[in-house]
PDB file of N, CA and C in Angstrom:
ATOM      1  N   MET A   1     156.697 294.530 101.705  1.00  0.00           N
ATOM      2  CA  MET A   1     157.482 295.770 102.162  1.00  0.00           C
ATOM      3  C   MET A   1     158.914 294.321 102.861  1.00  0.00           C
ATOM      4  N   ARG A   2     159.990 294.679 102.696  1.00  0.00           N
ATOM      5  CA  ARG A   2     161.130 293.417 102.808  1.00  0.00           C
ATOM      6  C   ARG A   2     160.776 293.464 104.366  1.00  0.00           C
ATOM      7  N   GLN A   3     160.919 292.607 104.615  1.00  0.00           N
ATOM      8  CA  GLN A   3     161.440 292.295 106.345  1.00  0.00           C
ATOM      9  C   GLN A   3     163.082 292.192 106.413  1.00  0.00           C
ATOM     10  N   THR A   4     163.002 292.380 107.642  1.00  0.00           N
ATOM     11  CA  THR A   4     164.853 292.834 107.871  1.00  0.00           C
ATOM     12  C   THR A   4     165.283 291.867 108.887  1.00  0.00           C
ATOM     13  N   TYR A   5     166.391 291.538 108.762  1.00  0.00           N
ATOM     14  CA  TYR A   5     166.889 290.336 109.533  1.00  0.00           C
ATOM     15  C   TYR A   5     167.324 291.275 110.775  1.00  0.00           C
ATOM     16  N   PRO A   6     167.274 290.687 112.136  1.00  0.00           N
ATOM     17  CA  PRO A   6     167.680 291.773 113.372  1.00  0.00           C
ATOM     18  C   PRO A   6     169.294 291.692 113.554  1.00  0.00           C
ATOM     19  N   PHE A   7     169.871 292.875 113.257  1.00  0.00           N
ATOM     20  CA  PHE A   7     170.901 292.803 113.205  1.00  0.00           C
ATOM     21  C   PHE A   7     171.929 292.089 114.785  1.00  0.00           C
ATOM     22  N   SER A   8     170.984 291.990 115.817  1.00  0.00           N
ATOM     23  CA  SER A   8     171.768 291.346 116.955  1.00  0.00           C
ATOM     24  C   SER A   8     171.493 289.808 116.864  1.00  0.00           C
ATOM     25  N   ALA A   9     170.805 289.525 115.755  1.00  0.00           N
ATOM     26  CA  ALA A   9     170.919 288.043 115.173  1.00  0.00           C
ATOM     27  C   ALA A   9     171.901 287.461 114.906  1.00  0.00           C
ATOM     28  N   ILE A  10     172.683 288.293 114.073  1.00  0.00           N
ATOM     29  CA  ILE A  10     173.688 288.151 113.023  1.00  0.00           C
ATOM     30  C   ILE A  10     175.129 286.969 114.464  1.00  0.00           C
ATOM     31  N   VAL A  11     174.893 286.149 113.579  1.00  0.00           N
ATOM     32  CA  VAL A  11     176.316 285.199 114.619  1.00  0.00           C
ATOM     33  C   VAL A  11     177.599 285.386 113.880  1.00  0.00           C
ATOM     34  N   GLY A  12     178.784 285.356 115.100  1.00  0.00           N
ATOM     35  CA  GLY A  12     179.791 285.671 114.171  1.00  0.00           C
ATOM     36  C   GLY A  12     180.193 286.823 113.509  1.00  0.00           C
ATOM     37  N   GLN A  13     181.030 287.240 112.528  1.00  0.00           N
ATOM     38  CA  GLN A  13     181.411 288.592 111.830  1.00  0.00           C
ATOM     39  C   GLN A  13     181.442 289.564 112.987  1.00  0.00           C
ATOM     40  N   GLU A  14     182.599 289.157 113.862  1.00  0.00           N
ATOM     41  CA  GLU A  14     182.260 290.492 114.940  1.00  0.00           C
ATOM     42  C   GLU A  14     183.184 291.591 114.292  1.00  0.00           C
ATOM     43  N   ARG A  15     184.261 291.211 113.358  1.00  0.00           N
ATOM     44  CA  ARG A  15     185.013 292.593 113.013  1.00  0.00           C
ATOM     45  C   ARG A  15     183.828 293.220 112.115  1.00  0.00           C
ATOM     46  N   MET A  16     183.279 292.783 110.975  1.00  0.00           N
ATOM     47  CA  MET A  16     182.420 293.269 110.465  1.00  0.00           C
ATOM     48  C   MET A  16     181.264 294.348 111.064  1.00  0.00           C
ATOM     49  N   LYS A  17     180.864 293.487 112.194  1.00  0.00           N
ATOM     50  CA  LYS A  17     179.731 294.476 113.029  1.00  0.00           C
ATOM     51  C   LYS A  17     180.309 295.601 113.783  1.00  0.00           C
ATOM     52  N   ARG A  18     181.586 295.241 114.601  1.00  0.00           N
ATOM     53  CA  ARG A  18     181.993 296.441 114.706  1.00  0.00           C
ATOM     54  C   ARG A  18     182.755 297.296 113.847  1.00  0.00           C
ATOM     55  N   ALA A  19     182.831 297.267 112.547  1.00  0.00           N
ATOM     56  CA  ALA A  19     183.083 298.102 111.808  1.00  0.00           C
ATOM     57  C   ALA A  19     181.744 299.042 111.456  1.00  0.00           C
ATOM     58  N   LEU A  20     180.298 298.181 111.202  1.00  0.00           N
ATOM     59  CA  LEU A  20     179.612 298.575 110.960  1.00  0.00           C
ATOM     60  C   LEU A  20     179.318 300.079 112.114  1.00  0.00           C
ATOM     61  N   ILE A  21     179.175 299.092 113.631  1.00  0.00           N
ATOM     62  CA  ILE A  21     178.751 299.857 114.232  1.00  0.00           C
ATOM     63  C   ILE A  21     179.856 301.445 114.611  1.00  0.00           C
ATOM     64  N   LEU A  22     181.009 301.008 114.611  1.00  0.00           N
ATOM     65  CA  LEU A  22     181.673 301.994 114.892  1.00  0.00           C
ATOM     66  C   LEU A  22     181.536 303.120 113.703  1.00  0.00           C
ATOM     67  N   ASN A  23     181.064 302.933 112.363  1.00  0.00           N
ATOM     68  CA  ASN A  23     181.228 303.544 111.626  1.00  0.00           C
ATOM     69  C   ASN A  23     179.436 304.511 111.463  1.00  0.00           C
ATOM     70  N   ALA A  24     178.585 303.836 112.487  1.00  0.00           N
ATOM     71  CA  ALA A  24     177.019 304.500 112.409  1.00  0.00           C
ATOM     72  C   ALA A  24     177.300 305.224 114.025  1.00  0.00           C
ATOM     73  N   ILE A  25     178.159 305.380 114.439  1.00  0.00           N
ATOM     74  CA  ILE A  25     178.605 306.353 115.574  1.00  0.00           C
ATOM     75  C   ILE A  25     179.116 307.361 115.199  1.00  0.00           C
ATOM     76  N   ASN A  26     180.235 307.251 114.362  1.00  0.00           N
ATOM     77  CA  ASN A  26     181.093 308.307 114.042  1.00  0.00           C
ATOM     78  C   ASN A  26     181.517 308.327 112.325  1.00  0.00           C
ATOM     79  N   PRO A  27     180.474 308.798 111.659  1.00  0.00           N
ATOM     80  CA  PRO A  27     180.186 308.898 109.906  1.00  0.00           C
ATOM     81  C   PRO A  27     181.678 309.148 109.233  1.00  0.00           C
ATOM     82  N   GLN A  28     182.432 310.493 110.075  1.00  0.00           N
ATOM     83  CA  GLN A  28     183.842 310.342 109.616  1.00  0.00           C
ATOM     84  C   GLN A  28     185.056 309.449 109.593  1.00  0.00           C
ATOM     85  N   ILE A  29     184.359 308.131 110.028  1.00  0.00           N
ATOM     86  CA  ILE A  29     185.388 307.500 109.498  1.00  0.00           C
ATOM     87  C   ILE A  29     185.421 306.704 108.204  1.00  0.00           C
ATOM     88  N   GLY A  30     184.355 307.573 107.439  1.00  0.00           N
ATOM     89  CA  GLY A  30     184.346 307.235 105.676  1.00  0.00           C
ATOM     90  C   GLY A  30     183.710 306.328 105.082  1.00  0.00           C
ATOM     91  N   GLY A  31     182.817 305.351 106.108  1.00  0.00           N
ATOM     92  CA  GLY A  31     182.818 304.054 105.536  1.00  0.00           C
ATOM     93  C   GLY A  31     183.101 302.903 105.721  1.00  0.00           C
ATOM     94  N   VAL A  32     183.073 301.457 105.488  1.00  0.00           N
ATOM     95  CA  VAL A  32     183.218 300.524 105.335  1.00  0.00           C
ATOM     96  C   VAL A  32     183.490 299.639 104.461  1.00  0.00           C
ATOM     97  N   LEU A  33     184.471 299.097 103.876  1.00  0.00           N
ATOM     98  CA  LEU A  33     184.095 298.313 102.717  1.00  0.00           C
ATOM     99  C   LEU A  33     183.822 296.813 103.090  1.00  0.00           C
ATOM    100  N   ILE A  34     182.788 296.168 102.771  1.00  0.00           N
ATOM    101  CA  ILE A  34     182.581 294.829 103.218  1.00  0.00           C
ATOM    102  C   ILE A  34     182.819 294.111 102.489  1.00  0.00           C
ATOM    103  N   ARG A  35     183.728 293.079 102.318  1.00  0.00           N
ATOM    104  CA  ARG A  35     183.721 291.717 101.258  1.00  0.00           C
ATOM    105  C   ARG A  35     184.169 290.428 101.968  1.00  0.00           C
ATOM    106  N   GLY A  36     183.806 289.539 101.172  1.00  0.00           N
ATOM    107  CA  GLY A  36     184.063 287.998 101.460  1.00  0.00           C
ATOM    108  C   GLY A  36     182.616 286.955 100.512  1.00  0.00           C
ATOM    109  N   GLU A  37     183.104 285.921 100.732  1.00  0.00           N
ATOM    110  CA  GLU A  37     182.319 284.723 100.418  1.00  0.00           C
ATOM    111  C   GLU A  37     180.921 284.832 100.053  1.00  0.00           C
ATOM    112  N   ARG A  38     180.229 284.487  99.042  1.00  0.00           N
ATOM    113  CA  ARG A  38     178.496 284.813  98.865  1.00  0.00           C
ATOM    114  C   ARG A  38     178.102 283.645 100.319  1.00  0.00           C
ATOM    115  N   GLY A  39     177.162 284.845 100.636  1.00  0.00           N
ATOM    116  CA  GLY A  39     176.423 284.152 101.699  1.00  0.00           C
ATOM    117  C   GLY A  39     176.672 284.016 103.309  1.00  0.00           C
ATOM    118  N   THR A  40     178.056 284.963 103.269  1.00  0.00           N
ATOM    119  CA  THR A  40     178.482 285.549 104.796  1.00  0.00           C
ATOM    120  C   THR A  40     177.857 286.639 105.573  1.00  0.00           C
ATOM    121  N   ALA A  41     176.462 286.784 105.056  1.00  0.00           N
ATOM    122  CA  ALA A  41     175.631 287.697 105.850  1.00  0.00           C
ATOM    123  C   ALA A  41     176.181 289.332 105.355  1.00  0.00           C
ATOM    124  N   LYS A  42     176.870 289.427 104.461  1.00  0.00           N
ATOM    125  CA  LYS A  42     177.425 291.054 104.080  1.00  0.00           C
ATOM    126  C   LYS A  42     176.376 291.998 103.739  1.00  0.00           C
ATOM    127  N   SER A  43     175.517 291.804 102.951  1.00  0.00           N
ATOM    128  CA  SER A  43     173.871 292.957 102.705  1.00  0.00           C
ATOM    129  C   SER A  43     173.443 292.489 103.792  1.00  0.00           C
ATOM    130  N   THR A  44     173.287 291.516 104.301  1.00  0.00           N
ATOM    131  CA  THR A  44     172.361 291.103 106.014  1.00  0.00           C
ATOM    132  C   THR A  44     172.164 292.336 106.686  1.00  0.00           C
ATOM    133  N   ALA A  45     173.713 292.191 106.834  1.00  0.00           N
ATOM    134  CA  ALA A  45     174.320 293.389 108.169  1.00  0.00           C
ATOM    135  C   ALA A  45     174.407 294.662 108.097  1.00  0.00           C
ATOM    136  N   ALA A  46     174.562 295.004 106.613  1.00  0.00           N
ATOM    137  CA  ALA A  46     174.401 296.306 106.447  1.00  0.00           C
ATOM    138  C   ALA A  46     173.007 297.043 106.259  1.00  0.00           C
ATOM    139  N   ARG A  47     171.664 295.921 105.893  1.00  0.00           N
ATOM    140  CA  ARG A  47     170.536 296.345 105.776  1.00  0.00           C
ATOM    141  C   ARG A  47     169.930 296.008 107.100  1.00  0.00           C
ATOM    142  N   ALA A  48     170.637 295.440 107.962  1.00  0.00           N
ATOM    143  CA  ALA A  48     169.924 295.462 109.326  1.00  0.00           C
ATOM    144  C   ALA A  48     170.486 296.594 109.978  1.00  0.00           C
ATOM    145  N   LEU A  49     171.745 297.037 109.886  1.00  0.00           N
ATOM    146  CA  LEU A  49     172.102 298.132 110.636  1.00  0.00           C
ATOM    147  C   LEU A  49     171.362 299.255 110.388  1.00  0.00           C
ATOM    148  N   ALA A  50     171.200 299.308 108.932  1.00  0.00           N
ATOM    149  CA  ALA A  50     170.160 300.593 108.453  1.00  0.00           C
ATOM    150  C   ALA A  50     168.713 301.111 109.239  1.00  0.00           C
ATOM    151  N   ALA A  51     168.711 299.278 109.000  1.00  0.00           N
ATOM    152  CA  ALA A  51     167.168 299.586 110.207  1.00  0.00           C
ATOM    153  C   ALA A  51     167.205 299.759 111.495  1.00  0.00           C
ATOM    154  N   LEU A  52     168.329 299.990 111.911  1.00  0.00           N
ATOM    155  CA  LEU A  52     168.226 300.414 113.490  1.00  0.00           C
ATOM    156  C   LEU A  52     168.697 302.142 113.442  1.00  0.00           C
ATOM    157  N   LEU A  53     169.394 302.861 112.329  1.00  0.00           N
ATOM    158  CA  LEU A  53     169.630 304.194 112.880  1.00  0.00           C
ATOM    159  C   LEU A  53     168.373 304.684 112.755  1.00  0.00           C
ATOM    160  N   PRO A  54     168.364 306.161 113.669  1.00  0.00           N
ATOM    161  CA  PRO A  54     167.421 306.880 114.045  1.00  0.00           C
ATOM    162  C   PRO A  54     167.105 307.691 112.488  1.00  0.00           C
ATOM    163  N   GLU A  55     166.179 307.895 112.452  1.00  0.00           N
ATOM    164  CA  GLU A  55     165.309 308.474 111.285  1.00  0.00           C
ATOM    165  C   GLU A  55     165.735 309.868 111.033  1.00  0.00           C
ATOM    166  N   LEU A  56     165.546 310.229 109.721  1.00  0.00           N
ATOM    167  CA  LEU A  56     166.322 311.597 109.444  1.00  0.00           C
ATOM    168  C   LEU A  56     165.020 312.702 109.267  1.00  0.00           C
ATOM    169  N   GLU A  57     165.633 313.729 110.240  1.00  0.00           N
ATOM    170  CA  GLU A  57     164.490 315.212 109.642  1.00  0.00           C
ATOM    171  C   GLU A  57     164.920 315.461 108.605  1.00  0.00           C
ATOM    172  N   VAL A  58     163.544 315.874 107.951  1.00  0.00           N
ATOM    173  CA  VAL A  58     164.380 316.599 106.729  1.00  0.00           C
ATOM    174  C   VAL A  58     162.377 317.617 106.410  1.00  0.00           C
ATOM    175  N   VAL A  59     163.000 318.760 105.595  1.00  0.00           N
ATOM    176  CA  VAL A  59     162.028 319.486 105.471  1.00  0.00           C
ATOM    177  C   VAL A  59     161.310 318.823 104.570  1.00  0.00           C
ATOM    178  N   GLN A  60     160.130 318.678 104.720  1.00  0.00           N
ATOM    179  CA  GLN A  60     158.719 318.022 104.539  1.00  0.00           C
ATOM    180  C   GLN A  60     158.888 318.842 102.784  1.00  0.00           C
ATOM    181  N   ALA A  61     158.254 318.027 102.008  1.00  0.00           N
ATOM    182  CA  ALA A  61     158.120 318.431 100.694  1.00  0.00           C
ATOM    183  C   ALA A  61     159.020 318.820 100.048  1.00  0.00           C
ATOM    184  N   CYS A  62     160.342 318.526 100.140  1.00  0.00           N
ATOM    185  CA  CYS A  62     161.648 319.147  99.460  1.00  0.00           C
ATOM    186  C   CYS A  62     162.019 317.892  98.897  1.00  0.00           C
ATOM    187  N   ARG A  63     162.577 317.885  98.060  1.00  0.00           N
ATOM    188  CA  ARG A  63     163.203 316.715  96.870  1.00  0.00           C
ATOM    189  C   ARG A  63     164.444 316.571  97.070  1.00  0.00           C
ATOM    190  N   PHE A  64     164.638 317.374  97.771  1.00  0.00           N
ATOM    191  CA  PHE A  64     166.208 317.094  97.967  1.00  0.00           C
ATOM    192  C   PHE A  64     166.806 316.722  99.584  1.00  0.00           C
ATOM    193  N   ASN A  65     165.518 316.566 100.316  1.00  0.00           N
ATOM    194  CA  ASN A  65     165.460 316.229 101.745  1.00  0.00           C
ATOM    195  C   ASN A  65     166.796 317.354 102.493  1.00  0.00           C
ATOM    196  N   CYS A  66     166.010 318.372 102.350  1.00  0.00           N
ATOM    197  CA  CYS A  66     166.891 319.464 103.107  1.00  0.00           C
ATOM    198  C   CYS A  66     166.799 319.261 104.816  1.00  0.00           C
ATOM    199  N   ASP A  67     167.878 319.947 105.311  1.00  0.00           N
ATOM    200  CA  ASP A  67     168.319 319.602 106.822  1.00  0.00           C
ATOM    201  C   ASP A  67     167.766 321.062 107.543  1.00  0.00           C
ATOM    202  N   PRO A  68     166.324 320.476 108.324  1.00  0.00           N
ATOM    203  CA  PRO A  68     165.629 321.493 108.627  1.00  0.00           C
ATOM    204  C   PRO A  68     166.391 322.170 109.787  1.00  0.00           C
ATOM    205  N   HIS A  69     167.359 322.062 110.088  1.00  0.00           N
ATOM    206  CA  HIS A  69     168.193 322.455 110.953  1.00  0.00           C
ATOM    207  C   HIS A  69     169.524 323.487 110.694  1.00  0.00           C
ATOM    208  N   ARG A  70     169.445 323.164 109.071  1.00  0.00           N
ATOM    209  CA  ARG A  70     170.482 324.305 108.604  1.00  0.00           C
ATOM    210  C   ARG A  70     169.887 325.045 107.588  1.00  0.00           C
ATOM    211  N   PRO A  71     169.030 326.094 107.694  1.00  0.00           N
ATOM    212  CA  PRO A  71     169.193 327.231 106.823  1.00  0.00           C
ATOM    213  C   PRO A  71     169.873 327.350 105.690  1.00  0.00           C
ATOM    214  N   ASP A  72     171.608 327.485 106.271  1.00  0.00           N
ATOM    215  CA  ASP A  72     172.501 327.863 105.349  1.00  0.00           C
ATOM    216  C   ASP A  72     172.813 326.782 104.163  1.00  0.00           C
ATOM    217  N   LEU A  73     172.462 325.833 104.612  1.00  0.00           N
ATOM    218  CA  LEU A  73     172.417 324.759 103.483  1.00  0.00           C
ATOM    219  C   LEU A  73     171.136 324.358 102.409  1.00  0.00           C
ATOM    220  N   PHE A  74     170.100 324.912 102.597  1.00  0.00           N
ATOM    221  CA  PHE A  74     168.813 324.942 102.078  1.00  0.00           C
ATOM    222  C   PHE A  74     168.672 324.685 100.510  1.00  0.00           C
ATOM    223  N   CYS A  75     168.436 324.678 100.007  1.00  0.00           N
ATOM    224  CA  CYS A  75     168.312 324.256  98.422  1.00  0.00           C
ATOM    225  C   CYS A  75     167.421 325.597  98.215  1.00  0.00           C
ATOM    226  N   ASP A  76     167.492 325.732  96.594  1.00  0.00           N
ATOM    227  CA  ASP A  76     167.056 327.169  96.556  1.00  0.00           C
ATOM    228  C   ASP A  76     165.401 327.313  96.625  1.00  0.00           C
ATOM    229  N   GLU A  77     164.363 326.077  96.635  1.00  0.00           N
ATOM    230  CA  GLU A  77     163.326 325.764  96.819  1.00  0.00           C
ATOM    231  C   GLU A  77     162.936 326.410  97.991  1.00  0.00           C
ATOM    232  N   CYS A  78     163.290 325.217  98.814  1.00  0.00           N
ATOM    233  CA  CYS A  78     163.448 325.521 100.515  1.00  0.00           C
ATOM    234  C   CYS A  78     163.736 327.306 100.957  1.00  0.00           C
ATOM    235  N   ARG A  79     164.549 327.744 100.566  1.00  0.00           N
ATOM    236  CA  ARG A  79     165.274 329.236 100.859  1.00  0.00           C
ATOM    237  C   ARG A  79     164.182 330.592 100.486  1.00  0.00           C
ATOM    238  N   GLU A  80     163.305 329.988  99.273  1.00  0.00           N
ATOM    239  CA  GLU A  80     162.301 330.497  98.879  1.00  0.00           C
ATOM    240  C   GLU A  80     161.199 330.114  99.830  1.00  0.00           C
ATOM    241  N   ARG A  81     160.746 329.261  99.996  1.00  0.00           N
ATOM    242  CA  ARG A  81     159.508 329.098 100.969  1.00  0.00           C
ATOM    243  C   ARG A  81     159.553 329.588 102.065  1.00  0.00           C
ATOM    244  N   LEU A  82     161.235 329.129 102.821  1.00  0.00           N
ATOM    245  CA  LEU A  82     161.300 330.053 103.741  1.00  0.00           C
ATOM    246  C   LEU A  82     160.909 331.402 104.140  1.00  0.00           C
ATOM    247  N   GLN A  83     161.568 332.325 103.221  1.00  0.00           N
ATOM    248  CA  GLN A  83     161.064 333.557 102.817  1.00  0.00           C
ATOM    249  C   GLN A  83     159.741 333.828 103.231  1.00  0.00           C
ATOM    250  N   VAL A  84     159.076 333.331 102.203  1.00  0.00           N
ATOM    251  CA  VAL A  84     157.510 333.239 101.938  1.00  0.00           C
ATOM    252  C   VAL A  84     156.491 332.875 103.326  1.00  0.00           C
ATOM    253  N   SER A  85     156.728 331.725 103.479  1.00  0.00           N
ATOM    254  CA  SER A  85     156.058 331.156 105.053  1.00  0.00           C
ATOM    255  C   SER A  85     156.516 331.514 106.107  1.00  0.00           C
ATOM    256  N   GLY A  86     157.783 331.148 106.266  1.00  0.00           N
ATOM    257  CA  GLY A  86     158.404 331.218 107.897  1.00  0.00           C
ATOM    258  C   GLY A  86     158.653 329.783 108.088  1.00  0.00           C
ATOM    259  N   PRO A  87     159.028 329.513 109.021  1.00  0.00           N
ATOM    260  CA  PRO A  87     159.273 327.859 109.463  1.00  0.00           C
ATOM    261  C   PRO A  87     158.919 326.886 108.697  1.00  0.00           C
ATOM    262  N   LEU A  88     159.442 326.148 108.025  1.00  0.00           N
ATOM    263  CA  LEU A  88     159.052 325.062 107.108  1.00  0.00           C
ATOM    264  C   LEU A  88     158.783 324.012 108.102  1.00  0.00           C
ATOM    265  N   PRO A  89     157.733 323.217 108.086  1.00  0.00           N
ATOM    266  CA  PRO A  89     157.448 322.012 108.462  1.00  0.00           C
ATOM    267  C   PRO A  89     158.465 320.668 108.092  1.00  0.00           C
ATOM    268  N   VAL A  90     158.471 320.134 108.981  1.00  0.00           N
ATOM    269  CA  VAL A  90     159.446 319.045 109.557  1.00  0.00           C
ATOM    270  C   VAL A  90     159.210 317.788 109.069  1.00  0.00           C
ATOM    271  N   ALA A  91     159.414 316.693 108.510  1.00  0.00           N
ATOM    272  CA  ALA A  91     159.145 315.433 108.118  1.00  0.00           C
ATOM    273  C   ALA A  91     160.037 314.402 108.692  1.00  0.00           C
ATOM    274  N   TYR A  92     159.854 313.273 108.891  1.00  0.00           N
ATOM    275  CA  TYR A  92     160.668 312.067 108.927  1.00  0.00           C
ATOM    276  C   TYR A  92     160.758 311.007 108.504  1.00  0.00           C
ATOM    277  N   LEU A  93     162.106 310.582 107.623  1.00  0.00           N
ATOM    278  CA  LEU A  93     162.206 309.596 106.683  1.00  0.00           C
ATOM    279  C   LEU A  93     162.936 308.507 107.727  1.00  0.00           C
ATOM    280  N   ASN A  94     162.466 307.104 107.399  1.00  0.00           N
ATOM    281  CA  ASN A  94     163.960 306.175 107.283  1.00  0.00           C
ATOM    282  C   ASN A  94     164.987 306.319 106.675  1.00  0.00           C
ATOM    283  N   THR A  95     166.110 305.398 107.673  1.00  0.00           N
ATOM    284  CA  THR A  95     167.500 305.936 106.982  1.00  0.00           C
ATOM    285  C   THR A  95     167.276 305.236 105.484  1.00  0.00           C
ATOM    286  N   PRO A  96     167.856 305.694 104.496  1.00  0.00           N
ATOM    287  CA  PRO A  96     167.569 304.905 103.329  1.00  0.00           C
ATOM    288  C   PRO A  96     169.033 303.583 103.227  1.00  0.00           C
ATOM    289  N   PHE A  97     168.389 302.816 102.701  1.00  0.00           N
ATOM    290  CA  PHE A  97     169.495 301.785 102.026  1.00  0.00           C
ATOM    291  C   PHE A  97     169.639 301.728 100.525  1.00  0.00           C
ATOM    292  N   VAL A  98     170.960 301.879 100.186  1.00  0.00           N
ATOM    293  CA  VAL A  98     170.952 302.033  98.820  1.00  0.00           C
ATOM    294  C   VAL A  98     171.528 301.247  98.302  1.00  0.00           C
ATOM    295  N   ASP A  99     170.910 300.191  97.435  1.00  0.00           N
ATOM    296  CA  ASP A  99     171.577 299.097  96.392  1.00  0.00           C
ATOM    297  C   ASP A  99     172.414 299.827  95.169  1.00  0.00           C
ATOM    298  N   LEU A 100     173.793 299.668  95.191  1.00  0.00           N
ATOM    299  CA  LEU A 100     174.292 299.774  94.090  1.00  0.00           C
ATOM    300  C   LEU A 100     174.894 298.213  93.424  1.00  0.00           C
ATOM    301  N   PRO A 101     175.058 298.001  92.195  1.00  0.00           N
ATOM    302  CA  PRO A 101     175.613 296.953  91.139  1.00  0.00           C
ATOM    303  C   PRO A 101     177.044 297.441  91.511  1.00  0.00           C
ATOM    304  N   VAL A 102     177.743 296.424  91.710  1.00  0.00           N
ATOM    305  CA  VAL A 102     179.078 296.065  91.715  1.00  0.00           C
ATOM    306  C   VAL A 102     179.683 297.403  90.398  1.00  0.00           C
ATOM    307  N   SER A 103     178.955 297.053  89.436  1.00  0.00           N
ATOM    308  CA  SER A 103     179.765 297.948  88.192  1.00  0.00           C
ATOM    309  C   SER A 103     179.687 299.581  88.029  1.00  0.00           C
ATOM    310  N   ALA A 104     178.706 299.705  89.264  1.00  0.00           N
ATOM    311  CA  ALA A 104     178.662 301.281  89.804  1.00  0.00           C
ATOM    312  C   ALA A 104     179.890 301.892  89.693  1.00  0.00           C
ATOM    313  N   THR A 105     180.070 303.390  89.014  1.00  0.00           N
ATOM    314  CA  THR A 105     181.159 304.035  89.067  1.00  0.00           C
ATOM    315  C   THR A 105     180.433 305.218  89.638  1.00  0.00           C
ATOM    316  N   GLU A 106     181.864 306.320  90.382  1.00  0.00           N
ATOM    317  CA  GLU A 106     181.030 307.616  91.001  1.00  0.00           C
ATOM    318  C   GLU A 106     180.524 308.180  90.074  1.00  0.00           C
ATOM    319  N   ASP A 107     180.717 308.546  88.883  1.00  0.00           N
ATOM    320  CA  ASP A 107     180.522 309.213  87.953  1.00  0.00           C
ATOM    321  C   ASP A 107     178.397 308.692  87.681  1.00  0.00           C
ATOM    322  N   ARG A 108     178.344 307.678  87.612  1.00  0.00           N
ATOM    323  CA  ARG A 108     177.450 307.732  87.343  1.00  0.00           C
ATOM    324  C   ARG A 108     176.429 307.518  89.298  1.00  0.00           C
ATOM    325  N   VAL A 109     176.943 307.690  89.870  1.00  0.00           N
ATOM    326  CA  VAL A 109     176.165 307.575  91.103  1.00  0.00           C
ATOM    327  C   VAL A 109     175.662 308.929  91.314  1.00  0.00           C
ATOM    328  N   VAL A 110     176.848 309.781  91.304  1.00  0.00           N
ATOM    329  CA  VAL A 110     176.685 311.079  91.788  1.00  0.00           C
ATOM    330  C   VAL A 110     176.711 312.334  91.027  1.00  0.00           C
ATOM    331  N   GLY A 111     177.079 311.878  89.436  1.00  0.00           N
ATOM    332  CA  GLY A 111     176.843 312.738  88.431  1.00  0.00           C
ATOM    333  C   GLY A 111     177.873 313.222  88.059  1.00  0.00           C
ATOM    334  N   THR A 112     178.287 314.278  87.134  1.00  0.00           N
ATOM    335  CA  THR A 112     179.319 314.756  86.631  1.00  0.00           C
ATOM    336  C   THR A 112     179.264 316.188  86.404  1.00  0.00           C
TER     337      THR A 112
END
């Protein structure tokens, strides 16, 4: 398991840290583009913040990680399970951190 550097231990980079925190508070901001020289803690800060985020509540055994509080958005499998067996069990997942190569394109990430 990879050890995550603590967010509070990152010295300097105040604008980057503030932008990450504000985006965590209000995801409607739409993300943060972090750029800079190699070795300036860009990835370290993003991973450290992801480790601070709360766990996600998902429907247990759902391959799409449906939100148990939004049955109107359930995948077909969860809708079927809900009709057959009633309320679905909940599981908790750590907030994922996704590493993408610089060359990643939107169609490669989300499909067409």
